[in-house]
């Protein structure tokens, strides 16, 4: 898995960046967000608002895969910020 595209967001928001992920099989999943919270950076999966006004993830993955994606995205974001 790798970051296909990452666009840092410099607005007045907790959003740090938007990015897409490419799996080892070549599948591209668009719409991930890197969020800057009080506990540090974390990945938020693409989501949509339900009829009950709650947001639901469109991409579900096991926790170890989400942790791996989190590490990859933060490292990629830090590389972009230093270059």
N, C-alpha and C. Protein backbone atom coordinates (compact mmCIF):
# COMPACT_ATOMS: atom_id res chain seq x y z
N UNK A 1 0.85 -1.17 0.00
CA UNK A 1 0.00 0.00 0.00
C UNK A 1 0.90 1.23 0.00
N UNK A 2 0.46 2.24 -0.78
CA UNK A 2 1.24 3.47 -0.84
C UNK A 2 0.31 4.66 -1.04
N UNK A 3 0.82 5.84 -0.72
CA UNK A 3 0.08 7.07 -0.93
C UNK A 3 0.18 7.40 -2.42
N UNK A 4 -0.95 7.52 -3.08
CA UNK A 4 -0.99 7.81 -4.50
C UNK A 4 -0.86 9.30 -4.76
N UNK A 5 -1.52 10.09 -3.95
CA UNK A 5 -1.51 11.56 -4.09
C UNK A 5 -1.82 12.14 -2.72
N UNK A 6 -1.13 13.21 -2.33
CA UNK A 6 -1.43 13.88 -1.06
C UNK A 6 -1.35 15.38 -1.28
N UNK A 7 -2.41 16.07 -0.86
CA UNK A 7 -2.48 17.53 -0.96
C UNK A 7 -2.64 18.11 0.43
N UNK A 8 -1.58 18.73 0.97
CA UNK A 8 -1.71 19.39 2.27
C UNK A 8 -2.77 20.49 2.21
N UNK A 9 -3.51 20.66 3.30
CA UNK A 9 -4.55 21.67 3.38
C UNK A 9 -4.09 22.72 4.38
N UNK A 10 -4.02 23.97 3.94
CA UNK A 10 -3.50 25.04 4.79
C UNK A 10 -4.59 25.97 5.32
N UNK A 11 -5.84 25.54 5.25
CA UNK A 11 -6.94 26.37 5.72
C UNK A 11 -7.05 26.35 7.24
N UNK A 12 -8.04 27.03 7.74
CA UNK A 12 -8.28 27.12 9.18
C UNK A 12 -9.18 25.95 9.59
N UNK A 13 -8.59 24.77 9.73
CA UNK A 13 -9.35 23.56 9.99
C UNK A 13 -8.44 22.53 10.65
N UNK A 14 -9.04 21.47 11.18
CA UNK A 14 -8.25 20.37 11.73
C UNK A 14 -7.73 19.45 10.63
N UNK A 15 -8.22 19.64 9.41
CA UNK A 15 -7.76 18.85 8.28
C UNK A 15 -6.33 19.26 7.92
N UNK A 16 -5.42 18.28 7.91
CA UNK A 16 -4.02 18.56 7.56
C UNK A 16 -3.77 18.28 6.08
N UNK A 17 -4.43 17.25 5.52
CA UNK A 17 -4.21 16.89 4.13
C UNK A 17 -5.31 15.96 3.63
N UNK A 18 -5.47 15.95 2.31
CA UNK A 18 -6.33 15.00 1.63
C UNK A 18 -5.42 14.07 0.85
N UNK A 19 -5.77 12.77 0.78
CA UNK A 19 -4.91 11.86 0.02
C UNK A 19 -5.67 10.65 -0.49
N UNK A 20 -5.05 9.98 -1.47
CA UNK A 20 -5.57 8.75 -2.05
C UNK A 20 -4.58 7.63 -1.75
N UNK A 21 -5.08 6.42 -1.68
CA UNK A 21 -4.26 5.25 -1.37
C UNK A 21 -4.33 4.27 -2.52
N UNK A 22 -3.17 3.69 -2.87
CA UNK A 22 -3.13 2.63 -3.87
C UNK A 22 -2.70 1.33 -3.19
N UNK A 23 -3.52 0.29 -3.36
CA UNK A 23 -3.19 -1.01 -2.76
C UNK A 23 -2.12 -1.71 -3.59
N UNK A 24 -1.56 -2.77 -3.05
CA UNK A 24 -0.54 -3.55 -3.76
C UNK A 24 -1.10 -4.16 -5.04
N UNK A 25 -2.42 -4.33 -5.11
CA UNK A 25 -3.06 -4.89 -6.30
C UNK A 25 -3.38 -3.83 -7.35
N UNK A 26 -3.11 -2.56 -7.04
CA UNK A 26 -3.33 -1.49 -7.99
C UNK A 26 -4.67 -0.78 -7.85
N UNK A 27 -5.45 -1.10 -6.82
CA UNK A 27 -6.73 -0.44 -6.59
C UNK A 27 -6.48 0.89 -5.90
N UNK A 28 -7.08 1.97 -6.43
CA UNK A 28 -6.92 3.30 -5.85
C UNK A 28 -8.20 3.66 -5.10
N UNK A 29 -8.05 4.04 -3.84
CA UNK A 29 -9.18 4.47 -3.01
C UNK A 29 -8.98 5.95 -2.73
N UNK A 30 -9.93 6.76 -3.17
CA UNK A 30 -9.82 8.21 -3.06
C UNK A 30 -10.60 8.72 -1.86
N UNK A 31 -10.14 9.86 -1.33
CA UNK A 31 -10.92 10.58 -0.33
C UNK A 31 -10.51 10.42 1.11
N UNK A 32 -9.33 9.90 1.39
CA UNK A 32 -8.86 9.84 2.78
C UNK A 32 -8.46 11.24 3.25
N UNK A 33 -8.53 11.45 4.54
CA UNK A 33 -8.16 12.74 5.14
C UNK A 33 -7.19 12.49 6.28
N UNK A 34 -6.19 13.33 6.39
CA UNK A 34 -5.28 13.31 7.54
C UNK A 34 -5.72 14.44 8.45
N UNK A 35 -6.09 14.10 9.68
CA UNK A 35 -6.65 15.06 10.63
C UNK A 35 -5.64 15.36 11.73
N UNK A 36 -5.52 16.63 12.09
CA UNK A 36 -4.63 17.07 13.17
C UNK A 36 -5.47 17.33 14.41
N UNK A 37 -5.44 16.38 15.35
CA UNK A 37 -6.24 16.50 16.58
C UNK A 37 -5.34 16.84 17.76
N UNK A 38 -5.93 17.00 18.91
CA UNK A 38 -5.14 17.29 20.10
C UNK A 38 -4.22 16.12 20.47
N UNK A 39 -4.54 14.91 19.98
CA UNK A 39 -3.71 13.73 20.24
C UNK A 39 -2.73 13.44 19.12
N UNK A 40 -2.64 14.33 18.12
CA UNK A 40 -1.73 14.14 17.01
C UNK A 40 -2.47 13.83 15.72
N UNK A 41 -1.71 13.50 14.69
CA UNK A 41 -2.28 13.21 13.37
C UNK A 41 -2.89 11.81 13.33
N UNK A 42 -4.03 11.69 12.60
CA UNK A 42 -4.62 10.38 12.37
C UNK A 42 -5.35 10.38 11.04
N UNK A 43 -5.56 9.19 10.49
CA UNK A 43 -6.23 9.02 9.21
C UNK A 43 -7.73 8.87 9.42
N UNK A 44 -8.49 9.58 8.60
CA UNK A 44 -9.94 9.44 8.58
C UNK A 44 -10.32 8.89 7.21
N UNK A 45 -11.10 7.80 7.22
CA UNK A 45 -11.51 7.16 5.98
C UNK A 45 -12.58 8.00 5.28
N UNK A 46 -12.74 7.81 3.97
CA UNK A 46 -13.83 8.49 3.27
C UNK A 46 -15.16 8.11 3.94
N UNK A 47 -16.04 9.07 4.07
CA UNK A 47 -17.32 8.80 4.74
C UNK A 47 -18.45 9.53 4.03
N UNK A 48 -19.66 9.13 4.38
CA UNK A 48 -20.84 9.80 3.85
C UNK A 48 -21.86 9.97 4.96
N UNK A 49 -22.68 10.99 4.82
CA UNK A 49 -23.68 11.30 5.82
C UNK A 49 -24.92 10.45 5.58
N UNK A 50 -25.38 9.78 6.63
CA UNK A 50 -26.58 8.97 6.53
C UNK A 50 -27.84 9.80 6.75
N UNK A 51 -28.99 9.16 6.60
CA UNK A 51 -30.27 9.83 6.79
C UNK A 51 -30.46 10.31 8.22
N UNK A 52 -29.71 9.70 9.14
CA UNK A 52 -29.79 10.08 10.56
C UNK A 52 -28.81 11.19 10.93
N UNK A 53 -28.18 11.82 9.91
CA UNK A 53 -27.22 12.92 10.08
C UNK A 53 -25.90 12.49 10.73
N UNK A 54 -25.65 11.20 10.82
CA UNK A 54 -24.37 10.69 11.32
C UNK A 54 -23.52 10.33 10.10
N UNK A 55 -22.18 10.36 10.29
CA UNK A 55 -21.26 10.02 9.20
C UNK A 55 -20.81 8.56 9.35
N UNK A 56 -20.76 7.85 8.23
CA UNK A 56 -20.37 6.45 8.21
C UNK A 56 -19.22 6.25 7.23
N UNK A 57 -18.19 5.48 7.68
CA UNK A 57 -17.03 5.20 6.83
C UNK A 57 -17.47 4.41 5.60
N UNK A 58 -16.92 4.77 4.45
CA UNK A 58 -17.19 4.05 3.20
C UNK A 58 -16.16 2.94 2.98
N UNK A 59 -15.03 3.01 3.69
CA UNK A 59 -13.97 2.02 3.56
C UNK A 59 -13.72 1.43 4.95
N UNK A 60 -13.90 0.12 5.06
CA UNK A 60 -13.67 -0.57 6.33
C UNK A 60 -12.43 -1.44 6.18
N UNK A 61 -11.58 -1.43 7.22
CA UNK A 61 -10.35 -2.20 7.17
C UNK A 61 -9.99 -2.67 8.57
N UNK A 62 -9.24 -3.78 8.66
CA UNK A 62 -8.80 -4.27 9.98
C UNK A 62 -7.90 -3.24 10.66
N UNK A 63 -7.87 -3.28 11.98
CA UNK A 63 -7.13 -2.27 12.75
C UNK A 63 -5.64 -2.26 12.43
N UNK A 64 -5.03 -3.43 12.17
CA UNK A 64 -3.59 -3.45 11.87
C UNK A 64 -3.32 -2.77 10.52
N UNK A 65 -4.24 -2.93 9.57
CA UNK A 65 -4.08 -2.26 8.28
C UNK A 65 -4.29 -0.76 8.42
N UNK A 66 -5.24 -0.36 9.24
CA UNK A 66 -5.47 1.07 9.47
C UNK A 66 -4.27 1.70 10.17
N UNK A 67 -3.67 0.98 11.13
CA UNK A 67 -2.47 1.49 11.81
C UNK A 67 -1.31 1.64 10.83
N UNK A 68 -1.17 0.68 9.91
CA UNK A 68 -0.11 0.75 8.89
C UNK A 68 -0.35 1.95 7.98
N UNK A 69 -1.59 2.16 7.55
CA UNK A 69 -1.92 3.31 6.71
C UNK A 69 -1.66 4.61 7.46
N UNK A 70 -1.99 4.65 8.73
CA UNK A 70 -1.76 5.83 9.56
C UNK A 70 -0.27 6.19 9.56
N UNK A 71 0.58 5.19 9.78
CA UNK A 71 2.03 5.42 9.81
C UNK A 71 2.56 5.89 8.46
N UNK A 72 2.09 5.27 7.38
CA UNK A 72 2.53 5.64 6.03
C UNK A 72 2.11 7.07 5.71
N UNK A 73 0.86 7.41 6.02
CA UNK A 73 0.33 8.74 5.69
C UNK A 73 1.05 9.83 6.49
N UNK A 74 1.30 9.60 7.77
CA UNK A 74 1.98 10.60 8.60
C UNK A 74 3.41 10.81 8.10
N UNK A 75 4.11 9.72 7.76
CA UNK A 75 5.48 9.83 7.25
C UNK A 75 5.49 10.60 5.92
N UNK A 76 4.54 10.31 5.04
CA UNK A 76 4.47 11.01 3.76
C UNK A 76 4.17 12.49 3.97
N UNK A 77 3.26 12.80 4.87
CA UNK A 77 2.91 14.19 5.18
C UNK A 77 4.13 14.94 5.74
N UNK A 78 4.85 14.31 6.64
CA UNK A 78 6.04 14.97 7.22
C UNK A 78 7.12 15.21 6.17
N UNK A 79 7.26 14.30 5.21
CA UNK A 79 8.21 14.50 4.10
C UNK A 79 7.80 15.70 3.26
N UNK A 80 6.50 15.84 2.98
CA UNK A 80 6.01 16.98 2.20
C UNK A 80 6.24 18.30 2.93
N UNK A 81 6.05 18.30 4.23
CA UNK A 81 6.19 19.54 5.01
C UNK A 81 7.64 19.98 5.11
N UNK A 82 8.60 19.04 5.04
CA UNK A 82 10.00 19.42 5.17
C UNK A 82 10.65 19.75 3.82
N UNK A 83 9.99 19.37 2.73
CA UNK A 83 10.60 19.63 1.41
C UNK A 83 10.11 20.92 0.80
